């Protein structure tokens, strides 16, 4: 059994419940307002009749009994009128139709307009007017309420019939609107189910309406594009790693096989071991760079106070053997004591990769100049080399993971295209920026700005 709840059903259920409550509240208020409006019209009509009777009854003598006509040209009918004396509460004059009532029961209520019940007529409306001339007494005008109640009942029945129809029509309309809203989501679900690692070409058409659904579709398409780019980078990474691993491993295997084919002198074996050690160092360097990239991708920033000038000296000392192997001289052009509260692992990743790149791409017998100083609210770390430089078309890609320019490949400069992407990730984490000024075959100046958060 499928227990999955359908979103449309849930929305329609809550919407139907909400609309039903709104209709009940609205109709209750409307019905009560209509009822009070009808009652108020009855009251006003009774007042008009009472005033007319008072005017008609002002001319006869006190002892004369006056019969008031039953049919009068008034807004409501039938109308029952009686004049009561104030002393004995006896009927002085009345219309043909009138009920027996005890007037004193209603005088105690201190209300002129009264809704009450009578055995003969059921619900009735009574209006009482006090008179002082030609006699002291009360004019009582009454009318049965069955016509008003019948009107109200008729309206109530119509409301009972029309409201469910209105609710159904609203829900049908809501169903169509929800279908229109959910269709793009269904398309996204369908596309998501069809997407696989080998097929990331599915893009959902962007709706014309500038709404949340459009934002969702744009976000989904962007996610697919990012996944596709990520898969492309992984494929490129696998290709690069395979290529980089194959070369040293092939050299190692070849040297070992040659050494084992026949007896050699000790110098030959020493030479084989030196070459093997060089290839092993290369493999270690590649693994370390991959581990650094993996760690920096999930590094949680843990800050501590760092003396950057001392930290930089240690990094340069670590890389000095690489510089000496190419007879490259590292000079400190401008340095000053700089302290920052940051993550030492990330700072190390920035320094070591930038300086290592400068050594790697510099020509032999050249000079690398390093500067470290504060400017305004920024810490500036600058490295200038006289290496192969970077082509303008490569500048936009050099920060991408696993990217290596054709120039570096053609010149057999060892690397994996991870160094600058490590620097970029570290700078994004601590809040810094990087800038390249480069001329092909002349050199490159790398300028890094880190926000001084101690300020």
Protein backbone atom coordinates (compact mmCIF):
# COMPACT_ATOMS: atom_id res chain seq x y z
CA UNK A 1 0.00 0.00 0.00
CA UNK A 2 1.32 3.42 -0.91
CA UNK A 3 1.24 5.67 2.16
CA UNK A 4 2.78 8.66 0.35
CA UNK A 5 0.75 11.80 0.89
CA UNK A 6 -0.15 13.69 -2.26
CA UNK A 7 0.78 17.36 -1.99
CA UNK A 8 -2.19 18.47 -4.09
CA UNK A 9 -4.60 16.50 -1.88
CA UNK A 10 -3.11 18.05 1.25
CA UNK A 11 -3.33 21.57 -0.19
CA UNK A 12 -6.92 21.03 -1.40
CA UNK A 13 -7.92 19.57 1.98
CA UNK A 14 -6.56 22.54 3.95
CA UNK A 15 -7.83 25.03 1.37
CA UNK A 16 -11.31 23.43 1.42
CA UNK A 17 -11.35 23.49 5.22
CA UNK A 18 -10.27 27.14 5.27
CA UNK A 19 -12.82 28.19 2.62
CA UNK A 20 -15.59 26.26 4.40
CA UNK A 21 -14.78 28.04 7.68
CA UNK A 22 -14.70 31.40 5.92
CA UNK A 23 -18.08 30.67 4.27
CA UNK A 24 -19.62 29.57 7.58
CA UNK A 25 -18.38 32.69 9.37
CA UNK A 26 -19.38 35.00 6.53
CA UNK A 27 -22.84 33.45 6.11
CA UNK A 28 -23.48 33.50 9.86
CA UNK A 29 -22.62 37.20 10.01
CA UNK A 30 -24.56 37.91 6.81
CA UNK A 31 -27.62 36.00 8.08
CA UNK A 32 -27.60 37.83 11.42
CA UNK A 33 -27.20 41.22 9.73
CA UNK A 34 -30.07 40.36 7.36
CA UNK A 35 -32.22 39.24 10.29
CA UNK A 36 -31.57 42.45 12.23
CA UNK A 37 -32.22 44.47 9.06
CA UNK A 38 -35.64 42.78 8.59
CA UNK A 39 -36.47 43.25 12.26
CA UNK A 40 -35.47 46.90 12.04
CA UNK A 41 -37.75 47.38 9.03
CA UNK A 42 -40.61 45.79 10.98
CA UNK A 43 -39.88 48.10 13.91
CA UNK A 44 -39.84 51.21 11.67
CA UNK A 45 -43.11 50.13 10.08
CA UNK A 46 -44.70 49.63 13.50
CA UNK A 47 -43.49 53.10 14.56
CA UNK A 48 -45.10 54.65 11.46
CA UNK A 49 -48.36 52.81 12.18
CA UNK A 50 -48.26 53.85 15.84
CA UNK A 51 -47.79 57.50 14.92
CA UNK A 52 -50.67 57.34 12.44
CA UNK A 53 -52.96 55.72 15.03
CA UNK A 54 -51.98 58.35 17.59
CA UNK A 55 -52.90 61.11 15.17
CA UNK A 56 -56.23 59.38 14.29
CA UNK A 57 -57.11 58.81 17.92
CA UNK A 58 -56.51 62.42 19.05
CA UNK A 59 -59.98 63.79 18.02
CA UNK A 60 -62.66 61.60 19.69
CA UNK A 61 -64.02 62.19 23.16
CA UNK A 62 -62.53 60.24 26.02
CA UNK A 63 -65.56 57.96 26.62
CA UNK A 64 -66.17 57.10 22.99
CA UNK A 65 -65.00 53.65 21.81
CA UNK A 66 -63.31 53.84 18.46
CA UNK A 67 -62.86 50.80 16.23
CA UNK A 68 -59.70 51.08 14.19
CA UNK A 69 -60.02 49.54 10.71
CA UNK A 70 -58.21 46.24 10.27
CA UNK A 71 -56.86 46.99 6.83
CA UNK A 72 -54.69 50.05 6.79
CA UNK A 73 -52.41 51.26 4.05
CA UNK A 74 -49.18 50.49 5.94
CA UNK A 75 -45.89 48.81 4.88
CA UNK A 76 -46.64 45.56 6.76
CA UNK A 77 -49.70 43.37 7.18
CA UNK A 78 -51.60 42.06 8.92
CA UNK A 79 -51.45 44.82 11.51
CA UNK A 80 -53.10 44.54 14.91
CA UNK A 81 -53.69 47.76 16.88
CA UNK A 82 -55.10 48.40 20.32
CA UNK A 83 -55.33 51.39 22.67
CA UNK A 84 -55.01 50.60 26.37
CA UNK A 85 -55.99 52.89 29.23
CA UNK A 86 -53.23 53.62 31.69
CA UNK A 87 -55.40 53.21 34.82
CA UNK A 88 -56.96 49.74 34.45
CA UNK A 89 -55.01 48.55 31.41
CA UNK A 90 -58.38 47.96 29.68
CA UNK A 91 -58.75 48.05 25.89
CA UNK A 92 -60.30 51.33 24.80
CA UNK A 93 -60.09 50.68 21.05
CA UNK A 94 -58.70 47.90 18.90
CA UNK A 95 -58.65 46.53 15.39
CA UNK A 96 -60.77 43.54 14.39
CA UNK A 97 -57.73 41.27 14.59
CA UNK A 98 -55.94 41.41 17.88
CA UNK A 99 -54.67 38.94 20.42
CA UNK A 100 -55.24 38.98 24.14
CA UNK A 101 -52.09 40.22 25.83
CA UNK A 102 -51.21 41.34 29.30
CA UNK A 103 -49.70 44.76 28.64
CA UNK A 104 -48.23 45.07 32.13
CA UNK A 105 -45.86 42.16 31.38
CA UNK A 106 -44.22 44.16 28.61
CA UNK A 107 -44.20 47.55 30.34
CA UNK A 108 -41.80 46.20 32.94
CA UNK A 109 -39.16 45.50 30.27
CA UNK A 110 -38.58 49.23 29.62
CA UNK A 111 -38.40 48.50 25.88
CA UNK A 112 -40.64 49.88 23.16
CA UNK A 113 -39.97 47.15 20.60
CA UNK A 114 -40.44 43.57 21.77
CA UNK A 115 -40.22 40.19 20.02
CA UNK A 116 -42.31 37.63 21.86
CA UNK A 117 -44.39 34.48 21.31
CA UNK A 118 -48.16 34.03 21.20
CA UNK A 119 -50.14 30.78 21.16
CA UNK A 120 -52.36 31.98 18.34
CA UNK A 121 -49.83 33.73 16.04
CA UNK A 122 -46.48 32.31 17.10
CA UNK A 123 -43.65 34.85 17.00
CA UNK A 124 -44.90 38.42 17.03
CA UNK A 125 -43.37 41.91 17.06
CA UNK A 126 -44.90 44.50 19.39
CA UNK A 127 -44.32 48.23 19.52
CA UNK A 128 -45.65 50.21 22.50
CA UNK A 129 -46.18 54.02 22.48
CA UNK A 130 -47.20 55.99 25.54
CA UNK A 131 -49.91 58.69 25.04
CA UNK A 132 -51.20 61.40 27.37
CA UNK A 133 -53.99 62.95 25.21
CA UNK A 134 -56.91 62.71 24.77
CA UNK A 135 -56.42 59.99 27.43
CA UNK A 136 -53.51 58.60 29.33
CA UNK A 137 -52.63 55.20 28.00
CA UNK A 138 -50.69 53.15 25.47
CA UNK A 139 -50.94 52.43 21.79
CA UNK A 140 -49.89 48.84 21.04
CA UNK A 141 -49.12 47.87 17.44
CA UNK A 142 -48.31 44.24 16.67
CA UNK A 143 -47.69 42.06 13.66
CA UNK A 144 -46.96 38.35 13.25
CA UNK A 145 -43.35 37.56 12.23
CA UNK A 146 -44.08 34.44 10.19
CA UNK A 147 -43.57 36.30 6.87
CA UNK A 148 -40.19 37.63 7.98
CA UNK A 149 -39.24 34.21 9.33
CA UNK A 150 -40.31 32.57 6.07
CA UNK A 151 -38.11 34.99 4.13
CA UNK A 152 -35.19 34.26 6.46
CA UNK A 153 -35.81 30.54 6.21
CA UNK A 154 -35.91 30.74 2.42
CA UNK A 155 -32.60 32.66 2.40
CA UNK A 156 -31.09 30.12 4.82
CA UNK A 157 -32.09 27.18 2.59
CA UNK A 158 -30.64 28.92 -0.46
CA UNK A 159 -27.41 29.51 1.45
CA UNK A 160 -27.28 25.83 2.42
CA UNK A 161 -27.65 24.86 -1.24
CA UNK A 162 -25.42 27.53 -2.81
CA UNK A 163 -22.51 27.42 -0.36
CA UNK A 164 -21.52 23.77 -1.04
CA UNK A 165 -21.82 24.49 -4.78
CA UNK A 166 -19.62 27.57 -4.33
CA UNK A 167 -17.13 25.51 -2.27
CA UNK A 168 -16.97 22.83 -4.97
CA UNK A 169 -16.48 25.44 -7.73
CA UNK A 170 -13.71 27.13 -5.72
CA UNK A 171 -11.99 23.78 -5.12
CA UNK A 172 -12.24 22.89 -8.83
CA UNK A 173 -10.67 26.23 -9.68
CA UNK A 174 -8.02 25.71 -7.01
CA UNK A 175 -7.35 22.23 -8.41
CA UNK A 176 -6.65 23.69 -11.85
CA UNK A 177 -4.39 26.39 -10.38
CA UNK A 178 -2.50 23.85 -8.24
CA UNK A 179 -2.04 21.59 -11.28
CA UNK A 180 -0.58 24.53 -13.17
CA UNK A 181 1.73 25.32 -10.24
CA UNK A 182 2.81 21.70 -9.71
CA UNK A 183 3.42 20.84 -13.37
CA UNK A 184 6.91 22.45 -13.41
CA UNK A 185 7.71 20.63 -10.16
CA UNK A 186 6.62 17.35 -11.78
CA UNK A 187 8.89 18.19 -14.71
CA UNK A 188 11.77 18.79 -12.30
CA UNK A 189 11.03 15.48 -10.55
CA UNK A 190 10.91 13.66 -13.88
CA UNK A 191 14.15 15.27 -15.02
CA UNK A 192 15.83 14.50 -11.68
CA UNK A 193 14.82 10.83 -12.01
CA UNK A 194 16.22 10.70 -15.54
CA UNK A 195 19.54 12.32 -14.63
CA UNK A 196 22.53 10.04 -14.19
CA UNK A 197 26.29 10.52 -14.08
CA UNK A 198 26.48 9.63 -17.76
CA UNK A 199 23.60 11.89 -18.79
CA UNK A 200 23.69 15.42 -17.42
CA UNK A 201 22.42 17.16 -20.57
CA UNK A 202 18.79 17.44 -19.40
CA UNK A 203 17.80 21.09 -18.88
CA UNK A 204 14.26 22.15 -17.96
CA UNK A 205 12.79 25.02 -20.04
CA UNK A 206 12.58 28.19 -17.94
CA UNK A 207 8.98 29.45 -17.41
CA UNK A 208 8.03 32.91 -18.65
CA UNK A 209 6.47 33.96 -15.33
CA UNK A 210 8.94 35.63 -12.98
CA UNK A 211 7.96 33.70 -9.85
CA UNK A 212 9.22 31.11 -7.33
CA UNK A 213 8.76 28.28 -9.83
CA UNK A 214 11.09 30.06 -12.23
CA UNK A 215 13.62 30.47 -9.39
CA UNK A 216 13.32 26.73 -8.66
CA UNK A 217 13.83 25.78 -12.32
CA UNK A 218 16.82 28.14 -12.64
CA UNK A 219 18.32 26.73 -9.43
CA UNK A 220 17.79 23.15 -10.66
CA UNK A 221 19.36 23.89 -14.05
CA UNK A 222 22.29 25.61 -12.32
CA UNK A 223 22.73 22.56 -10.10
CA UNK A 224 22.79 20.25 -13.15
CA UNK A 225 25.35 22.51 -14.84
CA UNK A 226 27.50 22.51 -11.68
CA UNK A 227 27.24 18.72 -11.49
CA UNK A 228 28.20 18.45 -15.15
CA UNK A 229 31.18 20.76 -14.65
CA UNK A 230 32.15 18.81 -11.53
CA UNK A 231 32.00 15.50 -13.38
CA UNK A 232 34.04 17.01 -16.24
CA UNK A 233 36.67 18.18 -13.73
CA UNK A 234 36.74 14.75 -12.08
CA UNK A 235 37.23 13.10 -15.48
CA UNK A 236 39.99 15.58 -16.25
CA UNK A 237 41.49 14.98 -12.82
CA UNK A 238 41.42 11.20 -13.35
CA UNK A 239 43.05 11.66 -16.72
CA UNK A 240 45.75 13.96 -15.31
CA UNK A 241 46.44 11.73 -12.31
CA UNK A 242 46.59 8.64 -14.53
CA UNK A 243 49.02 10.39 -16.83
CA UNK A 244 51.14 11.77 -13.97
CA UNK A 245 51.23 8.40 -12.19
CA UNK A 246 51.95 6.41 -15.31
CA UNK A 247 55.19 8.27 -16.12
CA UNK A 248 57.08 7.81 -12.81
CA UNK A 249 55.77 4.28 -12.37
CA UNK A 250 56.85 3.37 -15.92
CA UNK A 251 60.30 4.85 -15.26
CA UNK A 252 60.59 2.93 -11.98
CA UNK A 253 59.49 -0.32 -13.60
CA UNK A 254 61.84 0.14 -16.56
CA UNK A 255 64.87 0.97 -14.43
CA UNK A 256 64.24 -1.99 -12.12
CA UNK A 257 63.78 -4.39 -15.05
CA UNK A 258 67.02 -3.23 -16.67
CA UNK A 259 68.92 -3.55 -13.40
CA UNK A 260 67.72 -7.14 -12.93
CA UNK A 261 68.46 -8.40 -16.43
CA UNK A 262 72.16 -8.95 -15.72
CA UNK A 263 74.89 -8.21 -13.22
CA UNK A 264 75.83 -4.50 -13.06
CA UNK A 265 78.53 -2.57 -11.30
CA UNK A 266 77.75 -0.69 -8.11
CA UNK A 267 77.72 2.73 -9.78
CA UNK A 268 74.94 1.61 -12.11
CA UNK A 269 72.84 0.44 -9.19
CA UNK A 270 73.46 3.74 -7.39
CA UNK A 271 72.29 5.61 -10.47
CA UNK A 272 69.14 3.47 -10.68
CA UNK A 273 68.41 4.09 -7.00
CA UNK A 274 68.86 7.87 -7.43
CA UNK A 275 66.46 7.94 -10.39
CA UNK A 276 63.99 5.77 -8.48
CA UNK A 277 64.22 8.04 -5.44
CA UNK A 278 63.53 11.06 -7.64
CA UNK A 279 60.39 9.44 -9.05
CA UNK A 280 59.27 8.38 -5.56
CA UNK A 281 59.69 11.98 -4.36
CA UNK A 282 57.52 13.10 -7.23
CA UNK A 283 54.83 10.58 -6.29
CA UNK A 284 54.97 11.67 -2.64
CA UNK A 285 54.64 15.31 -3.68
CA UNK A 286 51.60 14.50 -5.79
CA UNK A 287 49.94 12.55 -2.98
CA UNK A 288 50.66 15.33 -0.47
CA UNK A 289 49.12 17.91 -2.79
CA UNK A 290 46.02 15.77 -3.24
CA UNK A 291 45.74 15.27 0.53
CA UNK A 292 46.10 19.01 1.10
CA UNK A 293 43.36 19.73 -1.39
CA UNK A 294 41.10 17.11 0.22
CA UNK A 295 41.73 18.54 3.69
CA UNK A 296 41.25 22.18 2.70
CA UNK A 297 37.91 21.32 1.10
CA UNK A 298 36.55 20.30 4.48
CA UNK A 299 38.69 22.49 6.75
CA UNK A 300 36.85 24.10 9.65
CA UNK A 301 38.46 27.44 10.43
CA UNK A 302 40.22 27.35 13.79
CA UNK A 303 41.87 30.68 14.45
CA UNK A 304 45.01 31.48 16.39
CA UNK A 305 47.44 34.38 16.49
CA UNK A 306 50.12 34.04 13.79
CA UNK A 307 53.27 36.11 13.18
CA UNK A 308 53.11 36.05 9.40
CA UNK A 309 56.70 37.24 8.86
CA UNK A 310 58.08 34.38 10.97
CA UNK A 311 55.65 31.94 9.38
CA UNK A 312 56.79 33.04 5.90
CA UNK A 313 60.45 32.50 6.78
CA UNK A 314 59.71 28.90 7.79
CA UNK A 315 57.86 28.25 4.51
CA UNK A 316 60.73 29.71 2.45
CA UNK A 317 63.20 27.59 4.44
CA UNK A 318 61.20 24.44 3.59
CA UNK A 319 61.27 25.28 -0.12
CA UNK A 320 64.87 26.49 -0.28
CA UNK A 321 66.17 23.11 -1.48
CA UNK A 322 63.87 23.35 -4.53
CA UNK A 323 65.11 26.85 -5.29
CA UNK A 324 68.78 25.77 -4.92
CA UNK A 325 68.22 22.87 -7.31
CA UNK A 326 67.51 25.46 -10.04
CA UNK A 327 69.99 28.00 -8.66
CA UNK A 328 67.12 30.39 -7.94
CA UNK A 329 67.70 33.11 -5.38
CA UNK A 330 64.80 34.13 -3.09
CA UNK A 331 64.95 37.74 -1.88
CA UNK A 332 62.74 39.54 0.63
CA UNK A 333 62.11 42.88 -1.03
CA UNK A 334 59.79 44.43 1.55
CA UNK A 335 58.83 42.76 4.80
CA UNK A 336 57.58 44.00 8.12
CA UNK A 337 56.24 42.33 11.28
CA UNK A 338 52.64 41.38 10.66
CA UNK A 339 50.33 39.54 13.06
CA UNK A 340 46.96 38.04 12.16
CA UNK A 341 44.39 35.83 13.85
CA UNK A 342 43.71 33.09 11.34
CA UNK A 343 44.01 29.39 10.53
CA UNK A 344 47.70 28.31 10.27
CA UNK A 345 46.91 25.41 7.94
CA UNK A 346 45.23 27.76 5.44
CA UNK A 347 47.99 30.38 5.69
CA UNK A 348 50.56 27.64 5.10
CA UNK A 349 48.60 26.38 2.07
CA UNK A 350 48.61 29.90 0.57
CA UNK A 351 52.30 30.64 1.16
CA UNK A 352 53.67 27.24 0.16
CA UNK A 353 51.66 26.94 -3.07
CA UNK A 354 52.35 30.47 -4.31
CA UNK A 355 56.11 30.27 -3.62
CA UNK A 356 56.32 26.69 -4.94
CA UNK A 357 54.62 27.78 -8.18
CA UNK A 358 57.07 30.66 -8.52
CA UNK A 359 60.01 28.26 -8.17
CA UNK A 360 58.43 25.68 -10.46
CA UNK A 361 57.76 28.11 -13.33
CA UNK A 362 60.89 30.29 -12.95
CA UNK A 363 63.91 29.90 -15.18
CA UNK A 364 67.21 28.67 -13.76
CA UNK A 365 69.59 31.27 -12.31
CA UNK A 366 66.72 33.71 -11.74
CA UNK A 367 65.45 35.72 -8.75
CA UNK A 368 62.14 35.50 -6.88
CA UNK A 369 61.18 38.56 -4.84
CA UNK A 370 58.80 38.29 -1.89
CA UNK A 371 57.06 41.11 -0.02
CA UNK A 372 54.87 41.05 3.10
CA UNK A 373 53.45 44.25 4.60
CA UNK A 374 50.32 46.04 5.76
CA UNK A 375 48.49 48.59 3.65
CA UNK A 376 45.40 50.35 4.96
CA UNK A 377 43.29 47.55 6.47
CA UNK A 378 44.82 44.78 4.34
CA UNK A 379 47.81 42.48 4.65
CA UNK A 380 49.66 42.27 1.33
CA UNK A 381 51.61 39.17 0.31
CA UNK A 382 53.37 39.60 -3.03
CA UNK A 383 55.56 37.19 -5.03
CA UNK A 384 57.35 38.27 -8.22
CA UNK A 385 59.13 35.78 -10.50
CA UNK A 386 60.80 35.90 -13.91
CA UNK A 387 59.28 32.69 -15.19
CA UNK A 388 57.32 31.64 -18.27
CA UNK A 389 54.38 33.93 -17.49
CA UNK A 390 50.69 33.26 -18.04
CA UNK A 391 48.78 33.81 -21.27
CA UNK A 392 45.85 36.19 -21.04
CA UNK A 393 43.39 33.50 -22.17
CA UNK A 394 44.62 31.19 -19.39
CA UNK A 395 44.17 33.73 -16.58
CA UNK A 396 40.43 33.08 -16.26
CA UNK A 397 40.99 29.34 -15.80
CA UNK A 398 44.12 29.00 -13.69
CA UNK A 399 42.14 29.00 -10.42
CA UNK A 400 40.00 26.06 -11.56
CA UNK A 401 40.65 22.69 -10.01
CA UNK A 402 42.95 20.40 -12.03
CA UNK A 403 43.56 23.05 -14.70
CA UNK A 404 46.99 23.16 -16.33
CA UNK A 405 47.88 25.42 -19.22
CA UNK A 406 49.26 23.99 -22.43
CA UNK A 407 52.45 25.97 -21.84
CA UNK A 408 53.17 24.18 -18.56
CA UNK A 409 52.41 20.80 -20.13
CA UNK A 410 54.55 21.45 -23.21
CA UNK A 411 57.54 22.45 -21.09
CA UNK A 412 57.20 19.29 -18.98
CA UNK A 413 56.75 21.26 -15.78
CA UNK A 414 55.52 18.79 -13.21
CA UNK A 415 52.27 19.59 -11.47
CA UNK A 416 48.66 18.60 -11.10
CA UNK A 417 46.74 21.86 -11.41
CA UNK A 418 45.71 21.86 -7.75
CA UNK A 419 48.02 24.48 -6.25
CA UNK A 420 46.11 27.64 -7.19
CA UNK A 421 42.73 26.06 -6.54
CA UNK A 422 43.99 25.24 -3.02
CA UNK A 423 45.01 28.90 -2.64
CA UNK A 424 41.61 30.10 -3.89
CA UNK A 425 39.75 27.83 -1.46
CA UNK A 426 41.91 28.94 1.45
CA UNK A 427 41.44 32.63 0.57
CA UNK A 428 37.68 32.17 0.32
CA UNK A 429 37.72 30.65 3.80
CA UNK A 430 39.76 33.36 5.55
CA UNK A 431 38.44 36.27 3.49
CA UNK A 432 41.09 37.23 0.96
CA UNK A 433 41.64 37.89 -2.74
CA UNK A 434 44.29 37.13 -5.35
CA UNK A 435 45.45 39.08 -8.41
CA UNK A 436 47.79 38.12 -11.27
CA UNK A 437 49.88 40.51 -13.39
CA UNK A 438 51.74 38.49 -15.99
CA UNK A 439 53.68 38.83 -19.25
CA UNK A 440 54.52 35.72 -21.26
CA UNK A 441 58.24 34.81 -21.05
CA UNK A 442 58.83 37.78 -18.71
CA UNK A 443 57.31 36.69 -15.42
CA UNK A 444 54.38 36.99 -13.07
CA UNK A 445 53.48 39.09 -10.04
CA UNK A 446 51.00 37.43 -7.66
CA UNK A 447 49.37 39.80 -5.17
CA UNK A 448 47.30 38.45 -2.30
CA UNK A 449 45.21 40.67 -0.02
CA UNK A 450 43.98 39.39 3.31
CA UNK A 451 41.65 41.48 5.44
CA UNK A 452 43.38 42.40 8.69
CA UNK A 453 40.73 41.35 11.20
CA UNK A 454 42.86 42.53 14.11
CA UNK A 455 42.10 46.12 13.18
